[in-house]
C-alpha atoms as a PDB file:
ATOM      1  CA  MET A   1     -16.023  -0.549   5.767  1.00  0.00           C
ATOM      2  CA  LEU A   2     -12.315   0.073   5.916  1.00  0.00           C
ATOM      3  CA  SER A   3     -10.899   3.047   7.726  1.00  0.00           C
ATOM      4  CA  ILE A   4      -8.282   5.350   6.260  1.00  0.00           C
ATOM      5  CA  ASN A   5      -6.948   6.167   9.719  1.00  0.00           C
ATOM      6  CA  VAL A   6      -3.825   4.036   9.617  1.00  0.00           C
ATOM      7  CA  SER A   7      -2.411   3.950  13.116  1.00  0.00           C
ATOM      8  CA  SER A   8       0.579   1.690  12.676  1.00  0.00           C
ATOM      9  CA  GLU A   9       3.586   1.962  10.445  1.00  0.00           C
ATOM     10  CA  GLU A  10       3.060  -1.701   9.576  1.00  0.00           C
ATOM     11  CA  GLU A  11      -0.333  -0.929   8.027  1.00  0.00           C
ATOM     12  CA  ARG A  12       1.128   1.974   6.042  1.00  0.00           C
ATOM     13  CA  VAL A  13       3.838  -0.343   4.698  1.00  0.00           C
ATOM     14  CA  LYS A  14       1.224  -2.966   3.814  1.00  0.00           C
ATOM     15  CA  ILE A  15      -0.808  -0.420   1.878  1.00  0.00           C
ATOM     16  CA  GLY A  16       2.359   0.770   0.142  1.00  0.00           C
ATOM     17  CA  LEU A  17       3.113  -2.796  -0.936  1.00  0.00           C
ATOM     18  CA  LEU A  18      -0.459  -3.272  -2.123  1.00  0.00           C
ATOM     19  CA  LEU A  19      -0.131  -0.068  -4.142  1.00  0.00           C
ATOM     20  CA  ASP A  20       3.041  -1.416  -5.738  1.00  0.00           C
ATOM     21  CA  LEU A  21       1.379  -4.726  -6.563  1.00  0.00           C
ATOM     22  CA  TYR A  22      -2.088  -3.584  -7.639  1.00  0.00           C
ATOM     23  CA  GLY A  23      -1.846   0.181  -8.123  1.00  0.00           C
ATOM     24  CA  ASN A  24      -2.402  -0.068 -11.861  1.00  0.00           C
ATOM     25  CA  ILE A  25      -5.978  -1.281 -11.395  1.00  0.00           C
ATOM     26  CA  LEU A  26      -6.910   1.958  -9.616  1.00  0.00           C
ATOM     27  CA  THR A  27      -8.137   5.046 -11.430  1.00  0.00           C
ATOM     28  CA  GLU A  28      -5.650   7.876 -11.917  1.00  0.00           C
ATOM     29  CA  LYS A  29      -7.444   9.979  -9.276  1.00  0.00           C
ATOM     30  CA  GLN A  30      -7.356   7.081  -6.788  1.00  0.00           C
ATOM     31  CA  LYS A  31      -3.654   6.475  -7.438  1.00  0.00           C
ATOM     32  CA  GLN A  32      -2.946  10.160  -6.974  1.00  0.00           C
ATOM     33  CA  THR A  33      -4.903  10.444  -3.705  1.00  0.00           C
ATOM     34  CA  MET A  34      -3.327   7.245  -2.332  1.00  0.00           C
ATOM     35  CA  ASP A  35       0.148   8.510  -3.225  1.00  0.00           C
ATOM     36  CA  LEU A  36      -0.439  11.891  -1.618  1.00  0.00           C
ATOM     37  CA  TYR A  37      -2.008  10.430   1.531  1.00  0.00           C
ATOM     38  CA  PHE A  38       0.083   7.327   2.201  1.00  0.00           C
ATOM     39  CA  GLN A  39       3.423   8.046   0.594  1.00  0.00           C
ATOM     40  CA  GLN A  40       3.726  11.818   0.788  1.00  0.00           C
ATOM     41  CA  ASP A  41       1.816  12.146   4.094  1.00  0.00           C
ATOM     42  CA  TYR A  42      -0.575  14.887   2.960  1.00  0.00           C
ATOM     43  CA  SER A  43      -3.694  15.538   5.026  1.00  0.00           C
ATOM     44  CA  LEU A  44      -7.178  15.240   3.536  1.00  0.00           C
ATOM     45  CA  SER A  45      -7.400  19.044   3.438  1.00  0.00           C
ATOM     46  CA  GLU A  46      -4.065  19.369   1.650  1.00  0.00           C
ATOM     47  CA  ILE A  47      -5.098  16.774  -0.917  1.00  0.00           C
ATOM     48  CA  SER A  48      -8.454  18.467  -1.482  1.00  0.00           C
ATOM     49  CA  GLU A  49      -6.674  21.763  -2.145  1.00  0.00           C
ATOM     50  CA  GLN A  50      -4.107  20.090  -4.407  1.00  0.00           C
ATOM     51  CA  LEU A  51      -6.737  18.292  -6.493  1.00  0.00           C
ATOM     52  CA  SER A  52      -9.471  20.958  -6.249  1.00  0.00           C
ATOM     53  CA  ILE A  53     -12.012  18.529  -4.799  1.00  0.00           C
ATOM     54  CA  THR A  54     -13.794  18.343  -1.453  1.00  0.00           C
ATOM     55  CA  ARG A  55     -12.377  16.596   1.614  1.00  0.00           C
ATOM     56  CA  GLN A  56     -15.304  14.166   1.378  1.00  0.00           C
ATOM     57  CA  ALA A  57     -14.375  13.325  -2.214  1.00  0.00           C
ATOM     58  CA  VAL A  58     -10.790  12.674  -1.102  1.00  0.00           C
ATOM     59  CA  ARG A  59     -11.974  10.429   1.729  1.00  0.00           C
ATOM     60  CA  ASP A  60     -14.335   8.528  -0.579  1.00  0.00           C
ATOM     61  CA  SER A  61     -11.581   8.057  -3.156  1.00  0.00           C
ATOM     62  CA  LEU A  62      -9.188   6.735  -0.494  1.00  0.00           C
ATOM     63  CA  LEU A  63     -11.787   4.327   0.892  1.00  0.00           C
ATOM     64  CA  ARG A  64     -12.719   2.992  -2.557  1.00  0.00           C
ATOM     65  CA  ALA A  65      -9.059   2.565  -3.507  1.00  0.00           C
ATOM     66  CA  GLU A  66      -8.201   0.859  -0.223  1.00  0.00           C
ATOM     67  CA  THR A  67     -11.183  -1.473  -0.563  1.00  0.00           C
ATOM     68  CA  THR A  68     -10.161  -2.315  -4.143  1.00  0.00           C
ATOM     69  CA  LEU A  69      -6.573  -3.069  -3.087  1.00  0.00           C
ATOM     70  CA  PHE A  70      -7.541  -5.312  -0.165  1.00  0.00           C
ATOM     71  CA  ASP A  71     -10.298  -7.101  -2.123  1.00  0.00           C
ATOM     72  CA  THR A  72      -7.953  -7.752  -5.036  1.00  0.00           C
ATOM     73  CA  ASP A  73      -5.276  -9.120  -2.738  1.00  0.00           C
ATOM     74  CA  ALA A  74      -7.821 -11.312  -0.948  1.00  0.00           C
ATOM     75  CA  ARG A  75      -8.586 -12.919  -4.326  1.00  0.00           C
ATOM     76  CA  LEU A  76      -5.056 -13.110  -5.758  1.00  0.00           C
ATOM     77  CA  GLY A  77      -2.881 -13.387  -2.651  1.00  0.00           C
ATOM     78  CA  LEU A  78       0.201 -11.783  -4.206  1.00  0.00           C
ATOM     79  CA  LEU A  79       1.198  -9.982  -1.003  1.00  0.00           C
ATOM     80  CA  GLU A  80       1.515 -13.255   0.913  1.00  0.00           C
ATOM     81  CA  LYS A  81       3.482 -14.804  -1.961  1.00  0.00           C
ATOM     82  CA  PHE A  82       5.759 -11.758  -2.052  1.00  0.00           C
ATOM     83  CA  ASN A  83       6.347 -11.933   1.711  1.00  0.00           C
ATOM     84  CA  ASN A  84       7.089 -15.677   1.533  1.00  0.00           C
ATOM     85  CA  MET A  85       9.569 -15.104  -1.283  1.00  0.00           C
ATOM     86  CA  ARG A  86      11.226 -12.255   0.609  1.00  0.00           C
ATOM     87  CA  GLN A  87      11.553 -14.438   3.714  1.00  0.00           C
ATOM     88  CA  ALA A  88      13.075 -17.256   1.642  1.00  0.00           C
ATOM     89  CA  LEU A  89      15.610 -14.792   0.225  1.00  0.00           C
ATOM     90  CA  VAL A  90      16.545 -13.628   3.731  1.00  0.00           C
ATOM     91  CA  VAL A  91      17.092 -17.224   4.822  1.00  0.00           C
ATOM     92  CA  SER A  92      19.143 -17.946   1.685  1.00  0.00           C
ATOM     93  CA  TYR A  93      21.275 -14.875   2.301  1.00  0.00           C
ATOM     94  CA  GLU A  94      21.861 -15.870   5.926  1.00  0.00           C
ATOM     95  CA  ASN A  95      22.788 -19.405   4.862  1.00  0.00           C
ATOM     96  CA  ALA A  96      25.151 -18.093   2.206  1.00  0.00           C
ATOM     97  CA  ALA A  97      26.841 -15.831   4.776  1.00  0.00           C
ATOM     98  CA  TYR A  98      27.208 -18.815   7.112  1.00  0.00           C
ATOM     99  CA  VAL A  99      28.736 -20.972   4.354  1.00  0.00           C
ATOM    100  CA  LYS A 100      31.093 -18.164   3.364  1.00  0.00           C
ATOM    101  CA  ASP A 101      32.287 -17.787   6.956  1.00  0.00           C
ATOM    102  CA  PHE A 102      32.650 -21.544   7.369  1.00  0.00           C
END
């Protein structure tokens, strides 16, 4: 079972990217809880008050959404493809800057 306690900024960024890539497959409530928790930095209590649901319901929604995002990416692999493309663009930019300076 995945944990919603994200300790590193790297993991928060990864989840943000997964939300960008696969967010549309989540339910509206899952998208809303993920946005509030990961992007707006609300606590579980704040989200439960905002959405008028229990803290446990917020936690369950976050865990289901996170599981869906990671499972979908494990099957499709778009995050790795995105990162490879981004790295290739960085290299191309660096090469273009070198050629320009040459």
